[in-house]
C-alpha cells in the first residue's frame, strides 16, 4: 500500500510578512487552508496513511488543525524538519514511516484540480520513480523534463535558459521504498540542500525514471508567491461558485471515498462551527438523506 508525505516546511520568505507568524501551508486559498488541497489530492489518489512534515514552529499548529485524521478515515502522523534542507530530506526524515512501502510525496503549496487518473496510474504502475510533466508556456521558470513517446525520461534541467521541452515538473512524485537509501547517499548542493532533482537523476542513471503526462483537463497551481496565491484563490472561488461544489472539502471526500460512513459524516458535520463550510456539508448531508 502506497503511503503519502505532505512536505509543508520551508521558511515561506516569498510570502512575508504573511508568513511571519503562520506557515505558508496554513494561509487561506479562498476558503480553506492551503494544506487541505494537497491532503485532498492524496486522499483522492487512494492514499490512507500520510506523514506531514513541517517546521518545529508550525508542526503543532498543523497538527492542531488536522488532528490524527480519524475524522476523515485516514491516519495522519507528524514529523519535524528542523531547517529547510531540501525536498529529498523528507525521505530521510520519513524513513521509519515509509518502511518497505512505496511513497508519494506532494509539496504543501501545490494544488491540483481535475481528474487524478495520472496520479492513480503512476501509483499503480511505478517501478522506480515517476515524475509528472505539465505543459507550461514559460518552462524556463521551472524544473523541465524531456522524455520520449514511451515516457522514458531523457533529461532533467532546473530552470534552463533554453528548455528542451515545454513540460514543467510539478511538486508531486512517486517512489519505491529504496528512495530512502538513495536520499541518504545524496550530497548537499551549493545552497546546502538535498535536491529532489539530484534524487531524480539517481533513478535516471539507473533507467528507472519515468514521466507521466498530466493532460489538459487538469489544473496545476503553485502558491509560492503572493500573486500565485491570489490567482489560486480566484480560481477556486470561480469553480466553486459556478458548480456549487467545494474543492478539497475533506469531509465530503472521506464520505464519497468510503472512508467514513454516513452516520460518521453526520456526526462530523455536527461538530463543525457555524460557517459557510459547515453549511455546505449540511447541504451535502441533506442531499444524501434524500437519496
Protein backbone atom coordinates (compact mmCIF):
# COMPACT_ATOMS: atom_id res chain seq x y z
CA UNK A 1 0.00 0.00 0.00
CA UNK A 2 1.44 3.36 -1.05
CA UNK A 3 1.96 5.87 1.73
CA UNK A 4 1.86 9.63 1.40
CA UNK A 5 4.01 12.52 2.57
CA UNK A 6 2.98 16.18 2.60
CA UNK A 7 6.08 18.34 2.86
CA UNK A 8 4.85 21.55 4.45
CA UNK A 9 8.15 23.02 5.59
CA UNK A 10 10.26 25.89 4.33
CA UNK A 11 10.54 29.45 5.55
CA UNK A 12 7.94 30.93 3.20
CA UNK A 13 10.00 34.09 2.73
CA UNK A 14 8.39 34.91 -0.62
CA UNK A 15 5.07 35.33 1.20
CA UNK A 16 6.46 37.52 4.00
CA UNK A 17 5.04 39.21 6.07
CA UNK A 18 2.07 36.81 5.83
CA UNK A 19 4.35 34.01 6.97
CA UNK A 20 5.95 35.90 9.84
CA UNK A 21 3.84 34.06 12.41
CA UNK A 22 1.93 31.45 10.38
CA UNK A 23 3.13 28.77 7.99
CA UNK A 24 2.67 29.20 4.25
CA UNK A 25 0.64 25.99 4.24
CA UNK A 26 -1.81 27.47 6.74
CA UNK A 27 -2.53 30.51 4.58
CA UNK A 28 -6.03 30.52 3.06
CA UNK A 29 -6.59 29.58 -0.55
CA UNK A 30 -10.02 31.14 -0.91
CA UNK A 31 -12.00 29.36 1.83
CA UNK A 32 -9.70 26.62 3.12
CA UNK A 33 -6.15 26.35 4.50
CA UNK A 34 -3.65 25.64 1.75
CA UNK A 35 -2.70 22.26 3.22
CA UNK A 36 -6.24 20.94 2.65
CA UNK A 37 -5.59 20.82 -1.09
CA UNK A 38 -2.53 18.52 -1.22
CA UNK A 39 -4.12 16.40 1.50
CA UNK A 40 -7.25 16.08 -0.65
CA UNK A 41 -5.09 15.06 -3.62
CA UNK A 42 -3.54 12.18 -1.68
CA UNK A 43 -6.92 11.06 -0.34
CA UNK A 44 -8.45 11.08 -3.82
CA UNK A 45 -5.48 9.08 -5.10
CA UNK A 46 -6.33 6.30 -2.64
CA UNK A 47 -3.68 7.02 -0.01
CA UNK A 48 -4.76 6.45 3.58
CA UNK A 49 -1.56 6.77 5.65
CA UNK A 50 0.03 10.21 5.46
CA UNK A 51 3.02 11.83 7.14
CA UNK A 52 3.01 15.63 7.41
CA UNK A 53 6.47 17.20 7.71
CA UNK A 54 6.85 20.81 8.75
CA UNK A 55 8.98 23.15 10.83
CA UNK A 56 9.36 22.98 14.63
CA UNK A 57 7.27 26.15 14.93
CA UNK A 58 4.49 25.18 12.52
CA UNK A 59 4.04 21.46 13.17
CA UNK A 60 1.98 21.96 16.37
CA UNK A 61 -0.35 24.37 14.55
CA UNK A 62 -0.83 21.99 11.62
CA UNK A 63 -1.46 19.09 13.99
CA UNK A 64 -3.98 21.23 15.87
CA UNK A 65 -5.77 21.86 12.58
CA UNK A 66 -5.75 18.33 11.15
CA UNK A 67 -5.59 16.08 14.22
CA UNK A 68 -4.92 12.37 13.72
CA UNK A 69 -7.09 12.11 10.61
CA UNK A 70 -9.69 9.74 12.06
CA UNK A 71 -12.46 12.26 11.35
CA UNK A 72 -11.71 11.66 7.64
CA UNK A 73 -11.00 7.93 7.92
CA UNK A 74 -7.26 8.29 7.40
CA UNK A 75 -4.14 8.13 9.57
CA UNK A 76 -2.07 11.28 9.95
CA UNK A 77 1.36 11.38 11.54
CA UNK A 78 3.74 14.27 12.00
CA UNK A 79 7.48 14.86 11.82
CA UNK A 80 9.73 17.90 12.02
CA UNK A 81 12.25 19.22 9.53
CA UNK A 82 14.42 21.42 11.77
CA UNK A 83 15.75 23.51 8.87
CA UNK A 84 14.84 23.80 5.18
CA UNK A 85 17.45 21.32 3.93
CA UNK A 86 15.74 20.24 0.74
CA UNK A 87 12.80 18.21 -0.50
CA UNK A 88 14.81 14.99 -0.66
CA UNK A 89 15.47 15.15 3.09
CA UNK A 90 11.78 14.32 3.61
CA UNK A 91 12.53 10.70 2.75
CA UNK A 92 15.25 10.51 5.38
CA UNK A 93 13.00 12.10 7.99
CA UNK A 94 10.18 9.74 7.00
CA UNK A 95 12.31 6.59 6.68
CA UNK A 96 10.62 4.71 9.52
CA UNK A 97 7.17 5.79 8.30
CA UNK A 98 7.91 4.62 4.74
CA UNK A 99 9.41 1.27 5.72
CA UNK A 100 9.20 -1.11 2.77
CA UNK A 101 6.26 0.63 1.12
CA UNK A 102 6.17 2.85 -1.96
CA UNK A 103 5.59 6.52 -1.25
CA UNK A 104 4.00 9.54 -2.91
CA UNK A 105 5.32 12.92 -1.82
CA UNK A 106 3.44 16.14 -2.54
CA UNK A 107 4.58 19.65 -1.68
CA UNK A 108 2.28 21.53 0.65
CA UNK A 109 1.93 24.50 -1.71
CA UNK A 110 0.94 22.54 -4.84
CA UNK A 111 -2.72 22.37 -5.83
CA UNK A 112 -4.29 20.11 -8.43
CA UNK A 113 -7.82 20.35 -9.81
CA UNK A 114 -9.34 17.80 -12.16
CA UNK A 115 -9.29 14.06 -12.64
CA UNK A 116 -6.36 12.44 -10.87
CA UNK A 117 -6.08 9.46 -13.21
CA UNK A 118 -2.47 10.41 -13.91
CA UNK A 119 -1.56 10.02 -10.24
CA UNK A 120 -3.55 6.83 -9.65
CA UNK A 121 -1.96 5.29 -12.74
CA UNK A 122 1.53 6.21 -11.59
CA UNK A 123 0.94 4.78 -8.12
CA UNK A 124 -0.34 1.53 -9.63
CA UNK A 125 2.49 1.06 -12.15
CA UNK A 126 5.55 2.76 -10.66
CA UNK A 127 8.68 0.59 -10.59
CA UNK A 128 11.28 3.13 -9.54
CA UNK A 129 10.44 6.81 -9.67
CA UNK A 130 7.68 8.64 -11.50
CA UNK A 131 7.62 12.38 -12.07
CA UNK A 132 4.90 14.29 -13.84
CA UNK A 133 5.01 16.51 -16.89
CA UNK A 134 2.75 19.55 -17.10
CA UNK A 135 2.84 21.75 -20.19
CA UNK A 136 3.52 25.44 -19.43
CA UNK A 137 4.14 28.49 -21.56
CA UNK A 138 7.19 29.58 -19.56
CA UNK A 139 9.21 26.42 -18.84
CA UNK A 140 12.36 28.39 -18.04
CA UNK A 141 10.81 29.17 -14.63
CA UNK A 142 10.64 25.52 -13.60
CA UNK A 143 12.38 22.20 -13.48
CA UNK A 144 11.93 20.87 -17.02
CA UNK A 145 11.67 17.25 -18.15
CA UNK A 146 12.43 15.88 -21.62
CA UNK A 147 11.02 12.43 -22.37
CA UNK A 148 10.28 10.08 -25.26
CA UNK A 149 6.98 8.69 -26.54
CA UNK A 150 7.10 5.82 -24.03
CA UNK A 151 7.53 8.17 -21.07
CA UNK A 152 11.21 7.38 -20.55
CA UNK A 153 12.98 10.45 -19.22
CA UNK A 154 15.83 11.70 -21.38
CA UNK A 155 16.91 14.73 -19.35
CA UNK A 156 16.02 16.96 -16.41
CA UNK A 157 17.05 20.61 -16.19
CA UNK A 158 16.47 23.13 -13.43
CA UNK A 159 15.24 26.50 -14.76
CA UNK A 160 17.13 26.20 -18.07
CA UNK A 161 17.70 29.28 -20.22
CA UNK A 162 16.93 27.15 -23.29
CA UNK A 163 14.43 24.48 -22.24
CA UNK A 164 14.40 21.21 -24.16
CA UNK A 165 10.65 20.88 -23.72
CA UNK A 166 7.60 22.82 -22.56
CA UNK A 167 6.94 20.38 -19.73
CA UNK A 168 7.47 21.51 -16.14
CA UNK A 169 7.79 19.10 -13.21
CA UNK A 170 5.06 19.73 -10.59
CA UNK A 171 5.61 19.11 -6.88
CA UNK A 172 4.27 15.57 -6.63
CA UNK A 173 6.43 12.45 -7.00
CA UNK A 174 6.06 8.67 -6.65
CA UNK A 175 8.92 6.43 -5.49
CA UNK A 176 9.64 2.88 -4.49
CA UNK A 177 10.92 2.41 -0.92
CA UNK A 178 14.59 2.46 -1.98
CA UNK A 179 14.22 6.23 -2.24
CA UNK A 180 15.25 6.35 1.43
CA UNK A 181 18.65 4.79 0.77
CA UNK A 182 19.24 6.91 -2.33
CA UNK A 183 18.36 10.07 -0.41
CA UNK A 184 20.86 9.17 2.29
CA UNK A 185 23.59 8.94 -0.33
CA UNK A 186 22.98 12.43 -1.73
CA UNK A 187 25.42 15.27 -1.16
CA UNK A 188 24.09 18.77 -0.35
CA UNK A 189 24.01 21.21 -3.24
CA UNK A 190 25.72 24.59 -3.30
CA UNK A 191 22.79 26.02 -1.35
CA UNK A 192 23.15 23.34 1.32
CA UNK A 193 20.09 21.29 0.41
CA UNK A 194 19.38 17.73 -0.67
CA UNK A 195 17.85 18.43 -4.06
CA UNK A 196 14.93 16.45 -5.43
CA UNK A 197 16.41 16.86 -8.91
CA UNK A 198 19.56 15.04 -7.80
CA UNK A 199 17.39 12.24 -6.47
CA UNK A 200 15.60 12.00 -9.80
CA UNK A 201 18.95 11.78 -11.57
CA UNK A 202 19.89 8.75 -9.46
CA UNK A 203 16.86 6.93 -10.85
CA UNK A 204 17.52 8.32 -14.32
CA UNK A 205 21.05 6.90 -14.33
CA UNK A 206 19.60 3.51 -13.39
CA UNK A 207 16.96 3.64 -16.10
CA UNK A 208 14.17 3.71 -13.51
CA UNK A 209 12.72 7.20 -14.00
CA UNK A 210 9.51 7.76 -15.95
CA UNK A 211 7.40 10.79 -16.72
CA UNK A 212 3.61 10.72 -16.67
CA UNK A 213 1.96 13.48 -18.68
CA UNK A 214 -0.77 15.47 -16.93
CA UNK A 215 -3.46 16.11 -19.53
CA UNK A 216 -5.15 19.36 -20.46
CA UNK A 217 -8.13 18.69 -18.21
CA UNK A 218 -6.10 19.18 -15.03
CA UNK A 219 -5.08 22.49 -13.46
CA UNK A 220 -1.83 22.69 -11.51
CA UNK A 221 -1.39 25.72 -9.26
CA UNK A 222 1.72 26.69 -7.31
CA UNK A 223 1.01 29.11 -4.45
CA UNK A 224 4.54 30.17 -3.54
CA UNK A 225 4.18 33.90 -4.24
CA UNK A 226 1.52 36.49 -3.28
CA UNK A 227 0.40 36.75 -6.91
CA UNK A 228 0.19 32.96 -7.32
CA UNK A 229 -1.71 32.68 -4.02
CA UNK A 230 -4.24 35.27 -5.19
CA UNK A 231 -4.62 33.58 -8.58
CA UNK A 232 -5.22 30.22 -6.89
CA UNK A 233 -7.86 31.72 -4.60
CA UNK A 234 -9.65 33.34 -7.54
CA UNK A 235 -9.53 30.07 -9.47
CA UNK A 236 -11.00 28.06 -6.58
CA UNK A 237 -13.65 30.72 -5.98
CA UNK A 238 -14.69 30.74 -9.66
CA UNK A 239 -15.04 26.95 -9.86
CA UNK A 240 -16.89 26.63 -6.56
CA UNK A 241 -19.27 29.47 -7.39
CA UNK A 242 -20.01 28.09 -10.84
CA UNK A 243 -20.56 24.47 -9.78
CA UNK A 244 -21.96 24.96 -6.29
CA UNK A 245 -19.46 22.31 -5.15
CA UNK A 246 -16.41 22.73 -2.97
CA UNK A 247 -12.90 21.72 -3.93
CA UNK A 248 -10.93 19.88 -1.23
CA UNK A 249 -13.77 19.50 1.25
CA UNK A 250 -12.16 16.69 3.23
CA UNK A 251 -15.39 15.56 4.89
CA UNK A 252 -17.10 15.16 1.51
CA UNK A 253 -14.08 13.33 0.04
CA UNK A 254 -13.97 10.96 3.01
CA UNK A 255 -17.64 10.14 2.56
CA UNK A 256 -17.56 9.54 -1.19
CA UNK A 257 -14.29 7.59 -0.98
CA UNK A 258 -15.93 5.27 1.56
CA UNK A 259 -13.52 6.26 4.34
CA UNK A 260 -16.33 7.17 6.73
CA UNK A 261 -19.95 6.07 6.96
CA UNK A 262 -22.96 8.33 6.52
CA UNK A 263 -23.52 8.31 10.27
CA UNK A 264 -19.90 9.30 10.88
CA UNK A 265 -20.25 12.07 8.31
CA UNK A 266 -23.34 13.44 10.06
CA UNK A 267 -21.53 13.36 13.42
CA UNK A 268 -18.51 15.16 11.97
CA UNK A 269 -20.67 17.85 10.36
CA UNK A 270 -22.46 18.39 13.66
CA UNK A 271 -19.10 19.13 15.30
CA UNK A 272 -18.19 21.91 12.85
CA UNK A 273 -18.66 25.54 13.95
CA UNK A 274 -21.23 27.73 12.21
CA UNK A 275 -19.65 28.82 8.93
CA UNK A 276 -20.12 28.53 5.17
CA UNK A 277 -18.02 25.34 5.16
CA UNK A 278 -20.43 23.74 7.64
CA UNK A 279 -23.41 24.99 5.64
CA UNK A 280 -22.01 23.27 2.57
CA UNK A 281 -21.51 20.00 4.45
CA UNK A 282 -25.08 20.21 5.76
CA UNK A 283 -26.31 20.62 2.19
CA UNK A 284 -24.33 17.56 1.17
CA UNK A 285 -25.83 15.69 4.12
CA UNK A 286 -29.34 16.74 3.06
CA UNK A 287 -28.69 15.53 -0.49
CA UNK A 288 -27.51 12.18 0.88
CA UNK A 289 -30.62 11.82 3.05
CA UNK A 290 -32.85 12.40 0.02
CA UNK A 291 -31.33 9.51 -1.93
